[in-house]
C-alpha atoms as a PDB file:
ATOM      1  CA  MET A   1       4.867  -6.164 -20.850  1.00  0.00           C
ATOM      2  CA  THR A   2       3.834  -8.539 -18.064  1.00  0.00           C
ATOM      3  CA  ASP A   3       0.759 -10.492 -19.114  1.00  0.00           C
ATOM      4  CA  LEU A   4      -1.960 -10.603 -16.440  1.00  0.00           C
ATOM      5  CA  ARG A   5      -4.825 -11.515 -18.738  1.00  0.00           C
ATOM      6  CA  GLY A   6      -7.367 -13.677 -16.941  1.00  0.00           C
ATOM      7  CA  ARG A   7      -6.299 -12.410 -13.522  1.00  0.00           C
ATOM      8  CA  ARG A   8      -8.460 -10.346 -11.192  1.00  0.00           C
ATOM      9  CA  ALA A   9      -6.881  -7.642  -9.055  1.00  0.00           C
ATOM     10  CA  LEU A  10      -8.295  -5.735  -6.078  1.00  0.00           C
ATOM     11  CA  VAL A  11      -6.563  -2.474  -5.139  1.00  0.00           C
ATOM     12  CA  THR A  12      -7.494  -0.686  -1.918  1.00  0.00           C
ATOM     13  CA  GLY A  13      -7.180   3.075  -1.841  1.00  0.00           C
ATOM     14  CA  GLY A  14      -7.287   2.610  -5.577  1.00  0.00           C
ATOM     15  CA  ALA A  15      -8.887   5.892  -6.599  1.00  0.00           C
ATOM     16  CA  SER A  16      -5.818   8.123  -6.208  1.00  0.00           C
ATOM     17  CA  GLY A  17      -2.056   8.200  -5.771  1.00  0.00           C
ATOM     18  CA  ILE A  18      -0.178   4.906  -5.769  1.00  0.00           C
ATOM     19  CA  GLY A  19      -3.428   2.957  -5.818  1.00  0.00           C
ATOM     20  CA  ALA A  20      -4.657   4.629  -8.998  1.00  0.00           C
ATOM     21  CA  ALA A  21      -1.285   4.075 -10.674  1.00  0.00           C
ATOM     22  CA  CYS A  22      -1.456   0.397  -9.707  1.00  0.00           C
ATOM     23  CA  ALA A  23      -5.025   0.080 -10.995  1.00  0.00           C
ATOM     24  CA  ARG A  24      -4.041   1.547 -14.362  1.00  0.00           C
ATOM     25  CA  ALA A  25      -0.918  -0.607 -14.605  1.00  0.00           C
ATOM     26  CA  PHE A  26      -2.764  -3.822 -13.767  1.00  0.00           C
ATOM     27  CA  ALA A  27      -5.472  -3.000 -16.295  1.00  0.00           C
ATOM     28  CA  GLN A  28      -2.858  -2.252 -18.947  1.00  0.00           C
ATOM     29  CA  ALA A  29      -1.302  -5.661 -18.233  1.00  0.00           C
ATOM     30  CA  GLY A  30      -4.667  -7.286 -18.885  1.00  0.00           C
ATOM     31  CA  ALA A  31      -6.084  -7.834 -15.395  1.00  0.00           C
ATOM     32  CA  ARG A  32      -9.671  -7.111 -14.428  1.00  0.00           C
ATOM     33  CA  VAL A  33      -9.321  -4.498 -11.682  1.00  0.00           C
ATOM     34  CA  THR A  34     -11.606  -3.662  -8.777  1.00  0.00           C
ATOM     35  CA  ILE A  35     -10.934  -0.251  -7.259  1.00  0.00           C
ATOM     36  CA  ALA A  36     -11.800  -0.213  -3.559  1.00  0.00           C
ATOM     37  CA  ASP A  37     -11.972   3.235  -2.029  1.00  0.00           C
ATOM     38  CA  ILE A  38     -13.989   5.231   0.482  1.00  0.00           C
ATOM     39  CA  ASP A  39     -14.484   7.841  -2.269  1.00  0.00           C
ATOM     40  CA  GLY A  40     -17.055   6.072  -4.384  1.00  0.00           C
ATOM     41  CA  ASP A  41     -17.289   8.756  -7.055  1.00  0.00           C
ATOM     42  CA  ALA A  42     -13.528   8.750  -7.650  1.00  0.00           C
ATOM     43  CA  ALA A  43     -13.490   4.961  -7.732  1.00  0.00           C
ATOM     44  CA  GLU A  44     -16.314   4.925 -10.289  1.00  0.00           C
ATOM     45  CA  ALA A  45     -14.541   7.483 -12.480  1.00  0.00           C
ATOM     46  CA  LEU A  46     -11.321   5.476 -12.567  1.00  0.00           C
ATOM     47  CA  ALA A  47     -13.191   2.215 -13.085  1.00  0.00           C
ATOM     48  CA  ASP A  48     -14.903   3.734 -16.109  1.00  0.00           C
ATOM     49  CA  GLU A  49     -11.528   4.889 -17.441  1.00  0.00           C
ATOM     50  CA  ILE A  50      -9.836   1.493 -17.222  1.00  0.00           C
ATOM     51  CA  GLY A  51     -12.819  -0.791 -17.770  1.00  0.00           C
ATOM     52  CA  GLY A  52     -12.818  -2.067 -14.207  1.00  0.00           C
ATOM     53  CA  GLU A  53     -15.182  -2.128 -11.261  1.00  0.00           C
ATOM     54  CA  ALA A  54     -15.623   0.221  -8.309  1.00  0.00           C
ATOM     55  CA  TRP A  55     -16.218  -0.817  -4.705  1.00  0.00           C
ATOM     56  CA  GLN A  56     -16.982   1.889  -2.151  1.00  0.00           C
ATOM     57  CA  ILE A  57     -15.807   0.554   1.202  1.00  0.00           C
ATOM     58  CA  ASP A  58     -14.870   1.915   4.626  1.00  0.00           C
ATOM     59  CA  LEU A  59     -11.807  -0.099   5.560  1.00  0.00           C
ATOM     60  CA  THR A  60     -12.109   0.886   9.219  1.00  0.00           C
ATOM     61  CA  ASP A  61     -15.406  -1.032   9.508  1.00  0.00           C
ATOM     62  CA  ARG A  62     -13.967  -4.072  11.254  1.00  0.00           C
ATOM     63  CA  ASP A  63     -17.221  -6.037  11.430  1.00  0.00           C
ATOM     64  CA  ALA A  64     -17.934  -5.616   7.712  1.00  0.00           C
ATOM     65  CA  LEU A  65     -14.426  -6.714   6.754  1.00  0.00           C
ATOM     66  CA  ALA A  66     -14.517  -9.683   9.120  1.00  0.00           C
ATOM     67  CA  ALA A  67     -17.611 -11.008   7.335  1.00  0.00           C
ATOM     68  CA  LEU A  68     -16.108 -10.711   3.841  1.00  0.00           C
ATOM     69  CA  ARG A  69     -15.099 -13.488   1.488  1.00  0.00           C
ATOM     70  CA  LEU A  70     -13.150 -12.245  -1.516  1.00  0.00           C
ATOM     71  CA  ASP A  71     -12.524 -13.982  -4.830  1.00  0.00           C
ATOM     72  CA  THR A  72      -9.505 -12.295  -6.378  1.00  0.00           C
ATOM     73  CA  ASP A  73      -6.156 -13.451  -7.721  1.00  0.00           C
ATOM     74  CA  ILE A  74      -4.232 -10.352  -6.654  1.00  0.00           C
ATOM     75  CA  LEU A  75      -4.798  -8.251  -3.528  1.00  0.00           C
ATOM     76  CA  VAL A  76      -2.992  -4.929  -3.213  1.00  0.00           C
ATOM     77  CA  ASN A  77      -3.265  -3.569   0.330  1.00  0.00           C
ATOM     78  CA  ASN A  78      -2.527   0.059  -0.429  1.00  0.00           C
ATOM     79  CA  ALA A  79      -4.983   2.320   1.435  1.00  0.00           C
ATOM     80  CA  GLY A  80      -3.366   4.621   3.966  1.00  0.00           C
ATOM     81  CA  VAL A  81      -3.358   7.954   5.743  1.00  0.00           C
ATOM     82  CA  GLN A  82      -0.782   9.896   7.708  1.00  0.00           C
ATOM     83  CA  HIS A  83      -0.727  11.863  10.954  1.00  0.00           C
ATOM     84  CA  VAL A  84       2.316  13.881  11.999  1.00  0.00           C
ATOM     85  CA  SER A  85       2.653  14.707  15.693  1.00  0.00           C
ATOM     86  CA  PRO A  86       5.042  14.134  18.615  1.00  0.00           C
ATOM     87  CA  ILE A  87       4.079  11.158  20.779  1.00  0.00           C
ATOM     88  CA  ASP A  88       3.276  13.236  23.858  1.00  0.00           C
ATOM     89  CA  ASP A  89       0.694  15.142  21.825  1.00  0.00           C
ATOM     90  CA  PHE A  90      -0.462  12.300  19.554  1.00  0.00           C
ATOM     91  CA  ASP A  91      -4.248  11.886  19.500  1.00  0.00           C
ATOM     92  CA  PRO A  92      -5.004   8.295  20.625  1.00  0.00           C
ATOM     93  CA  ALA A  93      -7.989   8.149  18.273  1.00  0.00           C
ATOM     94  CA  GLN A  94      -5.712   8.991  15.344  1.00  0.00           C
ATOM     95  CA  PHE A  95      -3.252   6.322  16.446  1.00  0.00           C
ATOM     96  CA  SER A  96      -6.026   3.709  16.472  1.00  0.00           C
ATOM     97  CA  LEU A  97      -7.374   4.884  13.115  1.00  0.00           C
ATOM     98  CA  LEU A  98      -4.017   4.475  11.372  1.00  0.00           C
ATOM     99  CA  LEU A  99      -3.515   0.977  12.785  1.00  0.00           C
ATOM    100  CA  GLN A 100      -7.058  -0.004  11.804  1.00  0.00           C
ATOM    101  CA  LEU A 101      -6.628   1.191   8.242  1.00  0.00           C
ATOM    102  CA  MET A 102      -3.058   0.095   7.551  1.00  0.00           C
ATOM    103  CA  LEU A 103      -2.662  -3.068   9.633  1.00  0.00           C
ATOM    104  CA  GLU A 104      -6.022  -4.501  10.701  1.00  0.00           C
ATOM    105  CA  ALA A 105      -7.675  -3.945   7.305  1.00  0.00           C
ATOM    106  CA  PRO A 106      -4.860  -5.687   5.378  1.00  0.00           C
ATOM    107  CA  PHE A 107      -5.124  -8.613   7.808  1.00  0.00           C
ATOM    108  CA  LEU A 108      -8.894  -8.863   7.378  1.00  0.00           C
ATOM    109  CA  LEU A 109      -8.745  -8.518   3.581  1.00  0.00           C
ATOM    110  CA  THR A 110      -5.966 -11.091   3.361  1.00  0.00           C
ATOM    111  CA  ARG A 111      -8.013 -13.390   5.593  1.00  0.00           C
ATOM    112  CA  ALA A 112     -10.975 -12.905   3.267  1.00  0.00           C
ATOM    113  CA  ALA A 113      -8.976 -13.552   0.086  1.00  0.00           C
ATOM    114  CA  LEU A 114      -6.847 -16.548   1.056  1.00  0.00           C
ATOM    115  CA  PRO A 115      -9.470 -19.336   0.942  1.00  0.00           C
ATOM    116  CA  ALA A 116     -10.258 -18.767  -2.766  1.00  0.00           C
ATOM    117  CA  MET A 117      -6.551 -18.304  -3.544  1.00  0.00           C
ATOM    118  CA  TYR A 118      -5.746 -21.578  -1.774  1.00  0.00           C
ATOM    119  CA  GLU A 119      -8.491 -23.361  -3.693  1.00  0.00           C
ATOM    120  CA  ARG A 120      -7.082 -22.126  -7.033  1.00  0.00           C
ATOM    121  CA  GLY A 121      -3.474 -22.722  -6.068  1.00  0.00           C
ATOM    122  CA  PHE A 122      -2.516 -19.178  -6.992  1.00  0.00           C
ATOM    123  CA  GLY A 123      -2.503 -15.838  -5.242  1.00  0.00           C
ATOM    124  CA  ARG A 124      -0.540 -12.641  -4.895  1.00  0.00           C
ATOM    125  CA  ILE A 125      -0.706 -10.468  -1.773  1.00  0.00           C
ATOM    126  CA  ILE A 126       1.085  -7.165  -2.351  1.00  0.00           C
ATOM    127  CA  ASN A 127       1.337  -4.980   0.738  1.00  0.00           C
ATOM    128  CA  MET A 128       2.144  -1.334   0.140  1.00  0.00           C
ATOM    129  CA  SER A 129       4.509  -0.719   3.008  1.00  0.00           C
ATOM    130  CA  SER A 130       7.058   2.107   3.132  1.00  0.00           C
ATOM    131  CA  VAL A 131      10.656   2.806   3.934  1.00  0.00           C
ATOM    132  CA  HIS A 132       9.031   3.519   7.304  1.00  0.00           C
ATOM    133  CA  GLY A 133       8.309  -0.193   7.548  1.00  0.00           C
ATOM    134  CA  LEU A 134      12.096  -0.605   7.817  1.00  0.00           C
ATOM    135  CA  ARG A 135      13.247   2.705   9.285  1.00  0.00           C
ATOM    136  CA  ALA A 136      11.728   5.145  11.770  1.00  0.00           C
ATOM    137  CA  SER A 137      11.258   8.892  11.629  1.00  0.00           C
ATOM    138  CA  PRO A 138      10.178  11.184  14.460  1.00  0.00           C
ATOM    139  CA  PHE A 139       6.574  12.391  14.777  1.00  0.00           C
ATOM    140  CA  LYS A 140       5.109   9.378  12.917  1.00  0.00           C
ATOM    141  CA  ALA A 141       4.496   6.881  15.715  1.00  0.00           C
ATOM    142  CA  ALA A 142       1.292   5.397  14.292  1.00  0.00           C
ATOM    143  CA  TYR A 143       2.414   5.224  10.678  1.00  0.00           C
ATOM    144  CA  VAL A 144       5.764   3.639  11.541  1.00  0.00           C
ATOM    145  CA  ALA A 145       4.124   1.186  13.945  1.00  0.00           C
ATOM    146  CA  ALA A 146       1.496   0.192  11.365  1.00  0.00           C
ATOM    147  CA  LYS A 147       4.037  -0.314   8.594  1.00  0.00           C
ATOM    148  CA  HIS A 148       6.365  -2.336  10.825  1.00  0.00           C
ATOM    149  CA  GLY A 149       3.381  -4.501  11.720  1.00  0.00           C
ATOM    150  CA  LEU A 150       2.464  -4.879   8.056  1.00  0.00           C
ATOM    151  CA  GLU A 151       5.964  -6.197   7.358  1.00  0.00           C
ATOM    152  CA  GLY A 152       5.425  -8.937   9.936  1.00  0.00           C
ATOM    153  CA  LEU A 153       1.949  -9.773   8.665  1.00  0.00           C
ATOM    154  CA  SER A 154       3.297 -10.046   5.120  1.00  0.00           C
ATOM    155  CA  LYS A 155       6.009 -12.492   6.148  1.00  0.00           C
ATOM    156  CA  VAL A 156       3.599 -14.702   8.088  1.00  0.00           C
ATOM    157  CA  THR A 157       1.270 -14.707   5.068  1.00  0.00           C
ATOM    158  CA  ALA A 158       4.213 -15.741   2.883  1.00  0.00           C
ATOM    159  CA  LEU A 159       5.029 -18.693   5.119  1.00  0.00           C
ATOM    160  CA  GLU A 160       1.434 -19.876   5.399  1.00  0.00           C
ATOM    161  CA  GLY A 161       0.649 -19.352   1.723  1.00  0.00           C
ATOM    162  CA  ALA A 162       3.732 -20.991   0.254  1.00  0.00           C
ATOM    163  CA  ALA A 163       2.257 -24.492   0.097  1.00  0.00           C
ATOM    164  CA  HIS A 164      -0.820 -23.117  -1.698  1.00  0.00           C
ATOM    165  CA  GLY A 165       0.812 -21.109  -4.500  1.00  0.00           C
ATOM    166  CA  VAL A 166       0.294 -17.800  -2.713  1.00  0.00           C
ATOM    167  CA  THR A 167       3.073 -15.241  -2.371  1.00  0.00           C
ATOM    168  CA  SER A 168       3.130 -12.198  -0.103  1.00  0.00           C
ATOM    169  CA  ASN A 169       5.511  -9.280  -0.402  1.00  0.00           C
ATOM    170  CA  CYS A 170       5.946  -5.676   0.659  1.00  0.00           C
ATOM    171  CA  ILE A 171       6.859  -2.690  -1.470  1.00  0.00           C
ATOM    172  CA  ASN A 172       8.777  -0.062   0.463  1.00  0.00           C
ATOM    173  CA  PRO A 173       8.853   3.308  -1.305  1.00  0.00           C
ATOM    174  CA  GLY A 174      10.301   6.491   0.047  1.00  0.00           C
ATOM    175  CA  TYR A 175       8.253   9.643  -0.346  1.00  0.00           C
ATOM    176  CA  VAL A 176       6.020   9.306  -3.395  1.00  0.00           C
ATOM    177  CA  ARG A 177       4.502  12.160  -5.364  1.00  0.00           C
ATOM    178  CA  THR A 178       0.943  11.679  -4.063  1.00  0.00           C
ATOM    179  CA  PRO A 179      -1.743  13.720  -2.275  1.00  0.00           C
ATOM    180  CA  LEU A 180      -0.811  11.876   0.945  1.00  0.00           C
ATOM    181  CA  VAL A 181       2.710  13.300   0.825  1.00  0.00           C
ATOM    182  CA  GLU A 182       1.580  16.750  -0.312  1.00  0.00           C
ATOM    183  CA  ARG A 183      -0.760  16.977   2.686  1.00  0.00           C
ATOM    184  CA  GLN A 184       2.184  16.391   5.033  1.00  0.00           C
ATOM    185  CA  ILE A 185       4.042  19.539   4.050  1.00  0.00           C
ATOM    186  CA  ALA A 186       2.302  21.898   6.477  1.00  0.00           C
ATOM    187  CA  ASP A 187       2.448  19.417   9.374  1.00  0.00           C
ATOM    188  CA  GLN A 188       6.119  18.695   8.797  1.00  0.00           C
ATOM    189  CA  ALA A 189       6.890  22.401   8.689  1.00  0.00           C
ATOM    190  CA  ARG A 190       5.053  22.893  11.986  1.00  0.00           C
ATOM    191  CA  VAL A 191       6.697  20.075  13.963  1.00  0.00           C
ATOM    192  CA  HIS A 192      10.182  20.841  12.595  1.00  0.00           C
ATOM    193  CA  GLY A 193       9.837  24.607  12.951  1.00  0.00           C
ATOM    194  CA  ILE A 194      10.792  25.379   9.343  1.00  0.00           C
ATOM    195  CA  PRO A 195       9.035  27.064   6.397  1.00  0.00           C
ATOM    196  CA  GLU A 196       6.946  24.831   4.139  1.00  0.00           C
ATOM    197  CA  SER A 197       9.273  25.685   1.248  1.00  0.00           C
ATOM    198  CA  GLU A 198      12.133  23.870   3.039  1.00  0.00           C
ATOM    199  CA  VAL A 199      10.290  20.645   3.919  1.00  0.00           C
ATOM    200  CA  LEU A 200      11.151  18.763   0.734  1.00  0.00           C
ATOM    201  CA  GLU A 201      14.895  19.384   1.019  1.00  0.00           C
ATOM    202  CA  LYS A 202      15.337  19.333   4.799  1.00  0.00           C
ATOM    203  CA  VAL A 203      12.858  16.611   5.805  1.00  0.00           C
ATOM    204  CA  LEU A 204      11.425  14.468   3.015  1.00  0.00           C
ATOM    205  CA  LEU A 205      14.568  13.952   0.948  1.00  0.00           C
ATOM    206  CA  THR A 206      17.297  14.364   3.525  1.00  0.00           C
ATOM    207  CA  GLU A 207      18.011  10.606   3.856  1.00  0.00           C
ATOM    208  CA  ALA A 208      17.646   9.668   0.185  1.00  0.00           C
ATOM    209  CA  ALA A 209      20.708   9.495  -2.061  1.00  0.00           C
ATOM    210  CA  ILE A 210      18.575  10.285  -5.127  1.00  0.00           C
ATOM    211  CA  LYS A 211      17.069  13.684  -4.410  1.00  0.00           C
ATOM    212  CA  ARG A 212      13.613  13.403  -5.921  1.00  0.00           C
ATOM    213  CA  LEU A 213      10.222  11.993  -5.060  1.00  0.00           C
ATOM    214  CA  VAL A 214       9.276   8.518  -6.246  1.00  0.00           C
ATOM    215  CA  GLU A 215       6.674   8.559  -9.015  1.00  0.00           C
ATOM    216  CA  PRO A 216       3.509   6.482  -8.464  1.00  0.00           C
ATOM    217  CA  GLU A 217       4.031   4.750 -11.812  1.00  0.00           C
ATOM    218  CA  GLU A 218       7.405   3.453 -10.642  1.00  0.00           C
ATOM    219  CA  VAL A 219       5.770   1.786  -7.657  1.00  0.00           C
ATOM    220  CA  ALA A 220       3.012   0.379  -9.876  1.00  0.00           C
ATOM    221  CA  GLY A 221       5.571  -1.189 -12.214  1.00  0.00           C
ATOM    222  CA  LEU A 222       7.070  -3.167  -9.343  1.00  0.00           C
ATOM    223  CA  ALA A 223       3.611  -4.210  -8.139  1.00  0.00           C
ATOM    224  CA  VAL A 224       2.718  -5.590 -11.573  1.00  0.00           C
ATOM    225  CA  TRP A 225       5.940  -7.600 -11.702  1.00  0.00           C
ATOM    226  CA  LEU A 226       5.293  -9.069  -8.248  1.00  0.00           C
ATOM    227  CA  ALA A 227       1.856 -10.188  -9.471  1.00  0.00           C
ATOM    228  CA  ALA A 228       3.265 -12.023 -12.481  1.00  0.00           C
ATOM    229  CA  ASP A 229       4.227 -15.663 -12.894  1.00  0.00           C
ATOM    230  CA  ALA A 230       7.865 -14.582 -13.204  1.00  0.00           C
ATOM    231  CA  ALA A 231       7.838 -13.593  -9.508  1.00  0.00           C
ATOM    232  CA  GLY A 232       6.596 -16.962  -8.310  1.00  0.00           C
ATOM    233  CA  MET A 233       9.703 -17.557  -6.166  1.00  0.00           C
ATOM    234  CA  VAL A 234       9.597 -14.078  -4.631  1.00  0.00           C
ATOM    235  CA  THR A 235       7.822 -14.207  -1.282  1.00  0.00           C
ATOM    236  CA  GLY A 236       8.323 -12.842   2.204  1.00  0.00           C
ATOM    237  CA  ALA A 237      10.398 -10.038   0.702  1.00  0.00           C
ATOM    238  CA  SER A 238      10.472  -6.273   1.165  1.00  0.00           C
ATOM    239  CA  TYR A 239      11.379  -4.363  -1.978  1.00  0.00           C
ATOM    240  CA  THR A 240      12.804  -0.927  -1.283  1.00  0.00           C
ATOM    241  CA  MET A 241      12.249   1.888  -3.758  1.00  0.00           C
ATOM    242  CA  ASP A 242      13.588   4.661  -1.594  1.00  0.00           C
ATOM    243  CA  GLY A 243      16.384   6.307  -3.555  1.00  0.00           C
ATOM    244  CA  GLY A 244      19.002   4.763  -1.265  1.00  0.00           C
ATOM    245  CA  TRP A 245      17.469   5.857   2.056  1.00  0.00           C
ATOM    246  CA  SER A 246      17.685   2.403   3.625  1.00  0.00           C
ATOM    247  CA  ALA A 247      21.252   1.880   2.366  1.00  0.00           C
ATOM    248  CA  ARG A 248      22.434   4.095   5.240  1.00  0.00           C
END
């Protein structure tokens, strides 16, 4: 097992889905984990389970994030939402919300964490991107735009952080078995004009060579490795875990 004893990790959107799997995996590897989530009760429950800390935070509060200074060794920018709609009917407020949460917030949290990482000479920024950071799908303008932007932010962070012992990488899963994906089923059925029972086969898994959802624990395992000393030369990279989707 990767040894992260003595390290502190902060996971956004850490109370459920991929974030919760990451929080558990980091704790199992010995890190002290802070679970940042808008759902304070869920964050507290998971923190109690793994012996970590909970931080209730609204990641769309730009002013609050801009004033932050964080002292953590590992930052996992994971929090996200989805909105499925054609562009000509896409709510502009929803578009802004997704970019705030999945691009501006990672920038502001990274900005807040880098000074202490630079001072220590060690840091790991792990950005939870998506296969949609590398490929596009219809009806997901905001999500695809945010994830493509996150890829660029991650690479710039890698270049700036290299001289200070800080790495920055993206993880790019396909569809993961999480509440975020489950909530898409009805919307995908509506925009594609198919029954909900056909969404998994005809939409979510149509591009993947391996016809199953990614498990959150699989994503968490890669995140833990990227946080370890063994990944010290891995930076500016995008690690696909998409069942072969992006091989096309």
